[in-house]
Amino acid sequence: MQRNIDEILASQKQMLIRSGKPTDQVSDDQLAEMYQKHLQNVFTWVKQQPNFSVMYLDYNAILADPSQFTEQINHFLGDALDVQKMNAVVDRSLYRQRM
């Protein structure tokens, strides 16, 4: 999970840089801790919602082999999606903050 958080924070930092916003207001360690706490709060809240169904997926695994997951996603969402098109639109080049 830490690798994913590091990648997310690196991506967020690049977005701030591109938009001309400061990146030094909070340290990377503080930001990671805040993000982890936020995620834990979200996971806890979601577990308490009887009207929510959640499917957790690994972003890196999906990029490596989308076809392994698109059928699962389609089924989770009601089996009305075009799995072939889903597979075709995965763009590995957008994964720029690899750790």
Protein backbone atom coordinates (compact mmCIF):
# COMPACT_ATOMS: atom_id res chain seq x y z
CA MET A 1 0.00 0.00 0.00
CA GLN A 2 2.87 2.40 0.74
CA ARG A 3 4.10 2.21 -2.86
CA ASN A 4 0.63 3.16 -4.08
CA ILE A 5 0.46 6.08 -1.68
CA ASP A 6 3.90 7.27 -2.77
CA GLU A 7 2.80 7.12 -6.41
CA ILE A 8 -0.43 8.97 -5.67
CA LEU A 9 1.39 11.71 -3.77
CA ALA A 10 4.00 12.03 -6.54
CA SER A 11 1.18 12.40 -9.06
CA GLN A 12 -0.54 15.02 -6.92
CA LYS A 13 2.71 16.94 -6.59
CA GLN A 14 3.15 16.97 -10.37
CA MET A 15 -0.39 18.28 -10.79
CA LEU A 16 0.38 21.11 -8.36
CA ILE A 17 3.60 21.93 -10.21
CA ARG A 18 1.81 21.99 -13.57
CA SER A 19 -0.85 24.31 -12.16
CA GLY A 20 1.74 26.62 -10.58
CA LYS A 21 0.69 25.92 -7.00
CA PRO A 22 3.12 25.51 -4.09
CA THR A 23 4.26 22.00 -3.18
CA ASP A 24 6.17 22.77 0.01
CA GLN A 25 3.37 23.68 2.41
CA VAL A 26 3.22 20.16 3.87
CA SER A 27 6.06 17.64 4.00
CA ASP A 28 5.76 14.42 2.02
CA ASP A 29 5.70 12.39 5.25
CA GLN A 30 2.93 14.53 6.72
CA LEU A 31 0.93 14.34 3.52
CA ALA A 32 1.30 10.54 3.39
CA GLU A 33 0.13 10.26 6.99
CA MET A 34 -2.85 12.54 6.35
CA TYR A 35 -3.76 10.55 3.22
CA GLN A 36 -3.54 7.21 5.04
CA LYS A 37 -5.76 8.50 7.84
CA HIS A 38 -8.25 9.82 5.31
CA LEU A 39 -8.32 6.48 3.48
CA GLN A 40 -8.89 4.63 6.75
CA ASN A 41 -11.79 6.96 7.56
CA VAL A 42 -13.29 6.37 4.12
CA PHE A 43 -12.91 2.56 4.40
CA THR A 44 -14.50 2.59 7.85
CA TRP A 45 -17.38 4.78 6.67
CA VAL A 46 -18.02 2.64 3.58
CA LYS A 47 -18.19 -0.54 5.70
CA GLN A 48 -20.96 1.08 7.72
CA GLN A 49 -23.10 1.88 4.68
CA PRO A 50 -25.61 -0.90 4.01
CA ASN A 51 -26.55 0.62 0.65
CA PHE A 52 -22.99 0.59 -0.79
CA SER A 53 -21.31 -2.14 -2.76
CA VAL A 54 -17.60 -1.66 -3.26
CA MET A 55 -15.12 -3.41 -5.50
CA TYR A 56 -11.47 -2.89 -4.58
CA LEU A 57 -9.00 -3.29 -7.42
CA ASP A 58 -5.25 -2.95 -7.80
CA TYR A 59 -4.42 -0.20 -10.30
CA ASN A 60 -1.02 -1.69 -11.18
CA ALA A 61 -2.50 -5.12 -11.79
CA ILE A 62 -5.20 -3.67 -14.04
CA LEU A 63 -2.60 -1.85 -16.13
CA ALA A 64 -0.54 -5.03 -16.42
CA ASP A 65 -3.46 -7.16 -17.61
CA PRO A 66 -6.74 -5.26 -18.07
CA SER A 67 -8.61 -8.23 -19.48
CA GLN A 68 -8.19 -10.05 -16.18
CA PHE A 69 -10.33 -7.37 -14.50
CA THR A 70 -12.70 -5.87 -17.04
CA GLU A 71 -15.02 -8.86 -16.92
CA GLN A 72 -15.15 -8.59 -13.12
CA ILE A 73 -15.87 -4.86 -13.34
CA ASN A 74 -18.57 -5.46 -15.94
CA HIS A 75 -20.23 -8.09 -13.76
CA PHE A 76 -20.03 -5.81 -10.68
CA LEU A 77 -21.74 -3.03 -12.65
CA GLY A 78 -24.55 -5.21 -14.02
CA ASP A 79 -23.13 -6.97 -17.10
CA ALA A 80 -24.15 -4.23 -19.55
CA LEU A 81 -20.71 -2.92 -20.55
CA ASP A 82 -18.61 -3.62 -23.63
CA VAL A 83 -15.63 -5.47 -22.18
CA GLN A 84 -13.69 -5.33 -25.47
CA LYS A 85 -13.92 -1.54 -25.53
CA MET A 86 -13.00 -1.38 -21.86
CA ASN A 87 -9.82 -3.34 -22.59
CA ALA A 88 -9.02 -1.15 -25.59
CA VAL A 89 -9.06 2.15 -23.71
CA VAL A 90 -6.52 1.27 -21.03
CA ASP A 91 -3.62 3.65 -21.65
CA ARG A 92 -0.47 2.54 -19.85
CA SER A 93 1.31 5.77 -20.88
CA LEU A 94 -0.83 7.69 -18.37
CA TYR A 95 0.88 5.79 -15.55
CA ARG A 96 3.71 8.28 -15.18
CA GLN A 97 4.53 8.19 -11.46
CA ARG A 98 5.83 4.64 -11.17
CA MET A 99 7.77 3.80 -8.02
